[in-house]
């Protein structure tokens, strides 16, 4: 499933990058404008949930990779 706001796909790696560059690392004007538009459409609570979901997915992927590496090298993790 994929949803869009304008041309921006919501379930995409770029959402996390936009958020990081607009809100966390520094205020890049292009990303800040894009993030403001996403928040305007979805609300700040829903955009927060979107970012948390993406971060959670990355943590789960890293944990799965850790377990796979453990199996390959023969170490129980």
Foldseek 3Di string as FASTA:
>chain_A
DWDDDVPRILLDPVLLVLCCQCPNPHNDPVSVVVVVSVCVVQNPVVSVVSNVVVVVVVVVVVVVVVCVVCVVVVHHD
